[in-house]
């Protein structure tokens, strides 16, 4: 479904990603792990049209999408969930979720996808009229992921969903992502720790100083 070949990304004179290649098959959950500052988030942003690619190819469902605009990629089904959540604090939970359905195809399925989000996160249904500025960190992350689902994704690219969460909330959040994957959603997820993803992922790529190396194929669980 997603193929990166020899991707290079620069911020001015700073070379962030060096000839990065990876793949995500339809229905897979693939992880990119590594320490802060080594290029994980840049990689996800390059895939999702937020950060420009200097060279290399990104193919999504057979089409080269390198440097396509982010809204265009959302329309293709490639949806990004940022690590800083990017919620609108003075809007309600429901209003933030509805913003995810801004494109015509997603609007057609808005009611269905909203029901799906509330089924996954009953707490959001209870707080639908509450301002996002008043939410806990865990609730805010639920809204961010829920808004991504409202865009009707074929592939959900999630940047560190555990960031700032207590351990029990981290486990709940990641188990939700794994459930979505088992239901057929393709997932590319960035995290710092491989241990957090025990038994959930099909393949892992480790990134260090902008260079990525892949593990063997197969669901990654016994070796963790």
C-alpha atoms as a PDB file:
ATOM      1  CA  UNK A   1       0.000   0.000   0.000  1.00  0.00           C
ATOM      2  CA  UNK A   2       2.780   2.443   0.986  1.00  0.00           C
ATOM      3  CA  UNK A   3       6.314   2.305  -0.430  1.00  0.00           C
ATOM      4  CA  UNK A   4       9.148   4.720   0.373  1.00  0.00           C
ATOM      5  CA  UNK A   5      12.297   4.486  -1.717  1.00  0.00           C
ATOM      6  CA  UNK A   6      15.491   6.425  -0.889  1.00  0.00           C
ATOM      7  CA  UNK A   7      13.741   9.362   0.760  1.00  0.00           C
ATOM      8  CA  UNK A   8      15.867  12.370   1.683  1.00  0.00           C
ATOM      9  CA  UNK A   9      14.608  15.312   3.738  1.00  0.00           C
ATOM     10  CA  UNK A  10      16.490  18.499   4.587  1.00  0.00           C
ATOM     11  CA  UNK A  11      15.746  21.453   6.828  1.00  0.00           C
ATOM     12  CA  UNK A  12      17.910  24.058   5.150  1.00  0.00           C
ATOM     13  CA  UNK A  13      21.464  22.740   5.298  1.00  0.00           C
ATOM     14  CA  UNK A  14      20.563  20.099   7.885  1.00  0.00           C
ATOM     15  CA  UNK A  15      20.159  16.660   6.286  1.00  0.00           C
ATOM     16  CA  UNK A  16      17.524  14.917   8.432  1.00  0.00           C
ATOM     17  CA  UNK A  17      16.630  11.713   6.546  1.00  0.00           C
ATOM     18  CA  UNK A  18      19.180   9.794   4.485  1.00  0.00           C
ATOM     19  CA  UNK A  19      17.968   7.440   1.719  1.00  0.00           C
ATOM     20  CA  UNK A  20      15.141   6.031   3.829  1.00  0.00           C
ATOM     21  CA  UNK A  21      13.159   3.103   2.427  1.00  0.00           C
ATOM     22  CA  UNK A  22      10.251   1.272   4.047  1.00  0.00           C
ATOM     23  CA  UNK A  23       6.966  -0.388   3.149  1.00  0.00           C
ATOM     24  CA  UNK A  24       3.551  -0.876   4.696  1.00  0.00           C
ATOM     25  CA  UNK A  25       1.294  -3.549   3.230  1.00  0.00           C
ATOM     26  CA  UNK A  26      -2.489  -3.302   3.213  1.00  0.00           C
ATOM     27  CA  UNK A  27      -3.846  -4.369   6.589  1.00  0.00           C
ATOM     28  CA  UNK A  28      -0.478  -4.227   8.327  1.00  0.00           C
ATOM     29  CA  UNK A  29       0.529  -2.340  11.447  1.00  0.00           C
ATOM     30  CA  UNK A  30       4.115  -1.156  11.005  1.00  0.00           C
ATOM     31  CA  UNK A  31       6.155   0.748  13.576  1.00  0.00           C
ATOM     32  CA  UNK A  32       8.993   3.255  13.343  1.00  0.00           C
ATOM     33  CA  UNK A  33      10.922   3.499  16.604  1.00  0.00           C
ATOM     34  CA  UNK A  34      13.897   5.457  17.903  1.00  0.00           C
ATOM     35  CA  UNK A  35      15.039   8.196  20.257  1.00  0.00           C
ATOM     36  CA  UNK A  36      13.852  11.783  20.040  1.00  0.00           C
ATOM     37  CA  UNK A  37      15.544  13.948  17.441  1.00  0.00           C
ATOM     38  CA  UNK A  38      16.538  11.152  15.063  1.00  0.00           C
ATOM     39  CA  UNK A  39      13.924  11.729  12.359  1.00  0.00           C
ATOM     40  CA  UNK A  40      10.856   9.631  13.272  1.00  0.00           C
ATOM     41  CA  UNK A  41       8.361  12.479  13.179  1.00  0.00           C
ATOM     42  CA  UNK A  42      10.005  14.011  10.117  1.00  0.00           C
ATOM     43  CA  UNK A  43       9.538  10.698   8.323  1.00  0.00           C
ATOM     44  CA  UNK A  44       5.833  10.614   9.115  1.00  0.00           C
ATOM     45  CA  UNK A  45       5.394  14.261   8.101  1.00  0.00           C
ATOM     46  CA  UNK A  46       7.170  13.623   4.800  1.00  0.00           C
ATOM     47  CA  UNK A  47       4.849  10.699   4.076  1.00  0.00           C
ATOM     48  CA  UNK A  48       1.781  12.799   4.866  1.00  0.00           C
ATOM     49  CA  UNK A  49       2.673  15.881   2.837  1.00  0.00           C
ATOM     50  CA  UNK A  50       3.568  18.163   5.742  1.00  0.00           C
ATOM     51  CA  UNK A  51       7.358  18.253   5.273  1.00  0.00           C
ATOM     52  CA  UNK A  52       8.878  18.548   1.762  1.00  0.00           C
ATOM     53  CA  UNK A  53      10.880  15.659   0.327  1.00  0.00           C
ATOM     54  CA  UNK A  54      14.196  16.624  -1.292  1.00  0.00           C
ATOM     55  CA  UNK A  55      14.526  13.402  -3.282  1.00  0.00           C
ATOM     56  CA  UNK A  56      13.212   9.852  -3.490  1.00  0.00           C
ATOM     57  CA  UNK A  57       9.767   8.411  -4.137  1.00  0.00           C
ATOM     58  CA  UNK A  58       6.704   7.809  -1.988  1.00  0.00           C
ATOM     59  CA  UNK A  59       4.073   5.578  -3.561  1.00  0.00           C
ATOM     60  CA  UNK A  60       0.620   5.112  -2.094  1.00  0.00           C
ATOM     61  CA  UNK A  61      -1.630   2.547  -3.758  1.00  0.00           C
ATOM     62  CA  UNK A  62       0.679   2.643  -6.763  1.00  0.00           C
ATOM     63  CA  UNK A  63       0.743   6.440  -7.246  1.00  0.00           C
ATOM     64  CA  UNK A  64       3.750   8.672  -6.559  1.00  0.00           C
ATOM     65  CA  UNK A  65       2.589  11.112  -3.863  1.00  0.00           C
ATOM     66  CA  UNK A  66       5.892  12.721  -2.833  1.00  0.00           C
ATOM     67  CA  UNK A  67       5.278  16.407  -2.065  1.00  0.00           C
ATOM     68  CA  UNK A  68       1.528  16.197  -2.632  1.00  0.00           C
ATOM     69  CA  UNK A  69      -0.366  18.576  -0.338  1.00  0.00           C
ATOM     70  CA  UNK A  70      -1.648  17.113   2.934  1.00  0.00           C
ATOM     71  CA  UNK A  71      -5.376  17.753   2.179  1.00  0.00           C
ATOM     72  CA  UNK A  72      -4.972  15.960  -1.155  1.00  0.00           C
ATOM     73  CA  UNK A  73      -3.479  12.965   0.649  1.00  0.00           C
ATOM     74  CA  UNK A  74      -6.306  12.933   3.179  1.00  0.00           C
ATOM     75  CA  UNK A  75      -8.655  12.695   0.212  1.00  0.00           C
ATOM     76  CA  UNK A  76      -6.721   9.619  -0.918  1.00  0.00           C
ATOM     77  CA  UNK A  77      -7.133   8.038   2.525  1.00  0.00           C
ATOM     78  CA  UNK A  78      -3.709   8.828   4.023  1.00  0.00           C
ATOM     79  CA  UNK A  79      -4.444  10.498   7.370  1.00  0.00           C
ATOM     80  CA  UNK A  80      -1.963  11.925   9.905  1.00  0.00           C
ATOM     81  CA  UNK A  81      -2.473  12.110  13.695  1.00  0.00           C
ATOM     82  CA  UNK A  82       0.088  14.546  15.137  1.00  0.00           C
ATOM     83  CA  UNK A  83       1.963  13.960  18.377  1.00  0.00           C
ATOM     84  CA  UNK A  84       0.906  17.419  19.657  1.00  0.00           C
ATOM     85  CA  UNK A  85      -2.752  16.535  18.834  1.00  0.00           C
ATOM     86  CA  UNK A  86      -3.495  19.967  17.284  1.00  0.00           C
ATOM     87  CA  UNK A  87      -6.936  20.293  18.801  1.00  0.00           C
ATOM     88  CA  UNK A  88      -8.900  23.537  18.812  1.00  0.00           C
ATOM     89  CA  UNK A  89      -9.158  24.211  22.563  1.00  0.00           C
ATOM     90  CA  UNK A  90     -12.119  26.612  22.395  1.00  0.00           C
ATOM     91  CA  UNK A  91     -14.224  24.192  20.359  1.00  0.00           C
ATOM     92  CA  UNK A  92     -16.137  21.240  21.752  1.00  0.00           C
ATOM     93  CA  UNK A  93     -15.206  17.587  21.464  1.00  0.00           C
ATOM     94  CA  UNK A  94     -17.927  17.107  18.862  1.00  0.00           C
ATOM     95  CA  UNK A  95     -16.828  20.125  16.825  1.00  0.00           C
ATOM     96  CA  UNK A  96     -13.219  18.923  16.800  1.00  0.00           C
ATOM     97  CA  UNK A  97     -14.316  15.477  15.669  1.00  0.00           C
ATOM     98  CA  UNK A  98     -16.504  16.905  12.923  1.00  0.00           C
ATOM     99  CA  UNK A  99     -13.527  18.834  11.533  1.00  0.00           C
ATOM    100  CA  UNK A 100     -12.065  15.470  10.544  1.00  0.00           C
ATOM    101  CA  UNK A 101     -14.920  15.002   8.069  1.00  0.00           C
ATOM    102  CA  UNK A 102     -14.124  18.110   6.033  1.00  0.00           C
ATOM    103  CA  UNK A 103     -13.776  16.380   2.646  1.00  0.00           C
ATOM    104  CA  UNK A 104     -16.830  15.236   0.638  1.00  0.00           C
ATOM    105  CA  UNK A 105     -16.218  11.479   0.903  1.00  0.00           C
ATOM    106  CA  UNK A 106     -15.723  11.726   4.661  1.00  0.00           C
ATOM    107  CA  UNK A 107     -18.841  13.897   5.053  1.00  0.00           C
ATOM    108  CA  UNK A 108     -20.889  11.150   3.411  1.00  0.00           C
ATOM    109  CA  UNK A 109     -19.834   8.787   6.216  1.00  0.00           C
ATOM    110  CA  UNK A 110     -19.772  11.356   9.036  1.00  0.00           C
ATOM    111  CA  UNK A 111     -22.621   9.844  11.047  1.00  0.00           C
ATOM    112  CA  UNK A 112     -21.298   6.302  10.656  1.00  0.00           C
ATOM    113  CA  UNK A 113     -17.749   7.285  11.606  1.00  0.00           C
ATOM    114  CA  UNK A 114     -18.929   9.382  14.560  1.00  0.00           C
ATOM    115  CA  UNK A 115     -20.826   6.381  15.904  1.00  0.00           C
ATOM    116  CA  UNK A 116     -17.647   4.319  15.476  1.00  0.00           C
ATOM    117  CA  UNK A 117     -15.577   6.866  17.430  1.00  0.00           C
ATOM    118  CA  UNK A 118     -18.109   7.022  20.264  1.00  0.00           C
ATOM    119  CA  UNK A 119     -18.242   3.224  20.390  1.00  0.00           C
ATOM    120  CA  UNK A 120     -14.451   3.120  20.733  1.00  0.00           C
ATOM    121  CA  UNK A 121     -14.393   5.961  23.265  1.00  0.00           C
ATOM    122  CA  UNK A 122     -17.655   6.177  25.249  1.00  0.00           C
ATOM    123  CA  UNK A 123     -16.028   8.900  27.342  1.00  0.00           C
ATOM    124  CA  UNK A 124     -16.021  11.188  24.299  1.00  0.00           C
ATOM    125  CA  UNK A 125     -19.728  10.589  23.807  1.00  0.00           C
ATOM    126  CA  UNK A 126     -20.265  11.714  27.400  1.00  0.00           C
ATOM    127  CA  UNK A 127     -18.126  14.821  26.817  1.00  0.00           C
ATOM    128  CA  UNK A 128     -19.250  15.708  23.298  1.00  0.00           C
ATOM    129  CA  UNK A 129     -20.327  19.199  24.379  1.00  0.00           C
ATOM    130  CA  UNK A 130     -17.245  19.871  26.518  1.00  0.00           C
ATOM    131  CA  UNK A 131     -14.523  22.292  25.411  1.00  0.00           C
ATOM    132  CA  UNK A 132     -11.291  20.541  24.472  1.00  0.00           C
ATOM    133  CA  UNK A 133      -9.335  22.962  26.678  1.00  0.00           C
ATOM    134  CA  UNK A 134     -10.852  21.215  29.702  1.00  0.00           C
ATOM    135  CA  UNK A 135      -9.921  17.644  28.720  1.00  0.00           C
ATOM    136  CA  UNK A 136      -7.278  15.458  30.320  1.00  0.00           C
ATOM    137  CA  UNK A 137      -4.278  14.369  28.255  1.00  0.00           C
ATOM    138  CA  UNK A 138      -5.794  10.955  27.663  1.00  0.00           C
ATOM    139  CA  UNK A 139      -9.117  12.417  26.561  1.00  0.00           C
ATOM    140  CA  UNK A 140      -7.350  14.853  24.226  1.00  0.00           C
ATOM    141  CA  UNK A 141      -5.489  11.966  22.613  1.00  0.00           C
ATOM    142  CA  UNK A 142      -8.788  10.147  22.132  1.00  0.00           C
ATOM    143  CA  UNK A 143     -10.163  13.203  20.325  1.00  0.00           C
ATOM    144  CA  UNK A 144      -7.048  13.432  18.115  1.00  0.00           C
ATOM    145  CA  UNK A 145      -7.301   9.781  17.112  1.00  0.00           C
ATOM    146  CA  UNK A 146     -11.070  10.031  16.736  1.00  0.00           C
ATOM    147  CA  UNK A 147     -10.726  13.045  14.445  1.00  0.00           C
ATOM    148  CA  UNK A 148      -8.333  11.016  12.300  1.00  0.00           C
ATOM    149  CA  UNK A 149     -10.940   8.254  12.039  1.00  0.00           C
ATOM    150  CA  UNK A 150     -13.552  10.815  11.016  1.00  0.00           C
ATOM    151  CA  UNK A 151     -11.461  11.431   7.874  1.00  0.00           C
ATOM    152  CA  UNK A 152     -12.294   7.881   6.763  1.00  0.00           C
ATOM    153  CA  UNK A 153      -8.658   6.709   6.474  1.00  0.00           C
ATOM    154  CA  UNK A 154      -7.300   3.800   4.491  1.00  0.00           C
ATOM    155  CA  UNK A 155      -3.940   4.250   6.240  1.00  0.00           C
ATOM    156  CA  UNK A 156      -3.630   6.021   9.587  1.00  0.00           C
ATOM    157  CA  UNK A 157      -0.194   7.503  10.342  1.00  0.00           C
ATOM    158  CA  UNK A 158       0.048   8.079  14.107  1.00  0.00           C
ATOM    159  CA  UNK A 159       2.874  10.022  15.746  1.00  0.00           C
ATOM    160  CA  UNK A 160       3.641   8.885  19.333  1.00  0.00           C
ATOM    161  CA  UNK A 161       0.102   8.365  20.673  1.00  0.00           C
ATOM    162  CA  UNK A 162       1.534   7.484  24.106  1.00  0.00           C
ATOM    163  CA  UNK A 163       3.270  10.859  24.535  1.00  0.00           C
ATOM    164  CA  UNK A 164       2.521  12.343  27.950  1.00  0.00           C
ATOM    165  CA  UNK A 165       0.082   9.619  28.969  1.00  0.00           C
ATOM    166  CA  UNK A 166       0.099   7.554  32.148  1.00  0.00           C
ATOM    167  CA  UNK A 167       1.072   3.888  31.623  1.00  0.00           C
ATOM    168  CA  UNK A 168      -2.503   2.573  31.960  1.00  0.00           C
ATOM    169  CA  UNK A 169      -3.793   5.130  29.435  1.00  0.00           C
ATOM    170  CA  UNK A 170      -0.913   4.323  27.094  1.00  0.00           C
ATOM    171  CA  UNK A 171      -1.869   0.649  27.094  1.00  0.00           C
ATOM    172  CA  UNK A 172      -5.533   1.503  26.489  1.00  0.00           C
ATOM    173  CA  UNK A 173      -4.690   3.852  23.622  1.00  0.00           C
ATOM    174  CA  UNK A 174      -2.379   1.391  21.878  1.00  0.00           C
ATOM    175  CA  UNK A 175      -4.814  -1.489  22.331  1.00  0.00           C
ATOM    176  CA  UNK A 176      -7.442   0.653  20.613  1.00  0.00           C
ATOM    177  CA  UNK A 177      -5.078   1.196  17.680  1.00  0.00           C
ATOM    178  CA  UNK A 178      -4.420  -2.558  17.545  1.00  0.00           C
ATOM    179  CA  UNK A 179      -8.167  -3.216  17.520  1.00  0.00           C
ATOM    180  CA  UNK A 180      -8.613  -0.850  14.576  1.00  0.00           C
ATOM    181  CA  UNK A 181      -5.827  -2.673  12.773  1.00  0.00           C
ATOM    182  CA  UNK A 182      -7.426  -6.063  13.394  1.00  0.00           C
ATOM    183  CA  UNK A 183     -10.632  -4.639  11.904  1.00  0.00           C
ATOM    184  CA  UNK A 184      -8.711  -3.921   8.695  1.00  0.00           C
ATOM    185  CA  UNK A 185      -7.256  -0.420   9.093  1.00  0.00           C
ATOM    186  CA  UNK A 186      -3.654  -0.106   7.902  1.00  0.00           C
ATOM    187  CA  UNK A 187      -1.469   1.662  10.477  1.00  0.00           C
ATOM    188  CA  UNK A 188       1.975   3.297  10.419  1.00  0.00           C
ATOM    189  CA  UNK A 189       2.855   4.218  13.992  1.00  0.00           C
ATOM    190  CA  UNK A 190       5.794   6.107  15.495  1.00  0.00           C
ATOM    191  CA  UNK A 191       6.847   5.332  19.064  1.00  0.00           C
ATOM    192  CA  UNK A 192       9.995   5.566  21.175  1.00  0.00           C
ATOM    193  CA  UNK A 193       9.765   2.119  22.729  1.00  0.00           C
ATOM    194  CA  UNK A 194       9.289  -1.175  20.920  1.00  0.00           C
ATOM    195  CA  UNK A 195       8.160  -2.790  24.190  1.00  0.00           C
ATOM    196  CA  UNK A 196       4.970  -0.676  24.135  1.00  0.00           C
ATOM    197  CA  UNK A 197       3.946  -2.396  20.900  1.00  0.00           C
ATOM    198  CA  UNK A 198       4.404  -5.986  22.053  1.00  0.00           C
ATOM    199  CA  UNK A 199       2.386  -8.389  19.930  1.00  0.00           C
ATOM    200  CA  UNK A 200       0.706  -5.637  17.898  1.00  0.00           C
ATOM    201  CA  UNK A 201       2.941  -4.952  14.912  1.00  0.00           C
ATOM    202  CA  UNK A 202       3.889  -6.827  11.765  1.00  0.00           C
ATOM    203  CA  UNK A 203       7.230  -5.137  11.167  1.00  0.00           C
ATOM    204  CA  UNK A 204       9.429  -2.536  12.811  1.00  0.00           C
ATOM    205  CA  UNK A 205      11.917  -0.004  11.454  1.00  0.00           C
ATOM    206  CA  UNK A 206      14.501   1.495  13.771  1.00  0.00           C
ATOM    207  CA  UNK A 207      15.725   4.996  12.960  1.00  0.00           C
ATOM    208  CA  UNK A 208      19.004   6.467  14.173  1.00  0.00           C
ATOM    209  CA  UNK A 209      20.487   9.750  12.955  1.00  0.00           C
ATOM    210  CA  UNK A 210      18.108   9.745  10.007  1.00  0.00           C
ATOM    211  CA  UNK A 211      18.983   6.246   8.789  1.00  0.00           C
ATOM    212  CA  UNK A 212      16.450   3.403   8.935  1.00  0.00           C
ATOM    213  CA  UNK A 213      16.998  -0.356   9.101  1.00  0.00           C
ATOM    214  CA  UNK A 214      14.198  -2.947   8.978  1.00  0.00           C
ATOM    215  CA  UNK A 215      13.571  -5.976  11.155  1.00  0.00           C
ATOM    216  CA  UNK A 216      12.649  -9.321   9.681  1.00  0.00           C
ATOM    217  CA  UNK A 217       9.111  -9.730   8.367  1.00  0.00           C
ATOM    218  CA  UNK A 218       6.446 -11.355  10.507  1.00  0.00           C
ATOM    219  CA  UNK A 219       4.416 -10.230  13.491  1.00  0.00           C
ATOM    220  CA  UNK A 220       6.845  -8.866  16.052  1.00  0.00           C
ATOM    221  CA  UNK A 221       6.083 -10.346  19.431  1.00  0.00           C
ATOM    222  CA  UNK A 222       8.219 -13.270  20.548  1.00  0.00           C
ATOM    223  CA  UNK A 223      11.467 -11.361  20.163  1.00  0.00           C
ATOM    224  CA  UNK A 224      10.440  -8.385  22.316  1.00  0.00           C
END
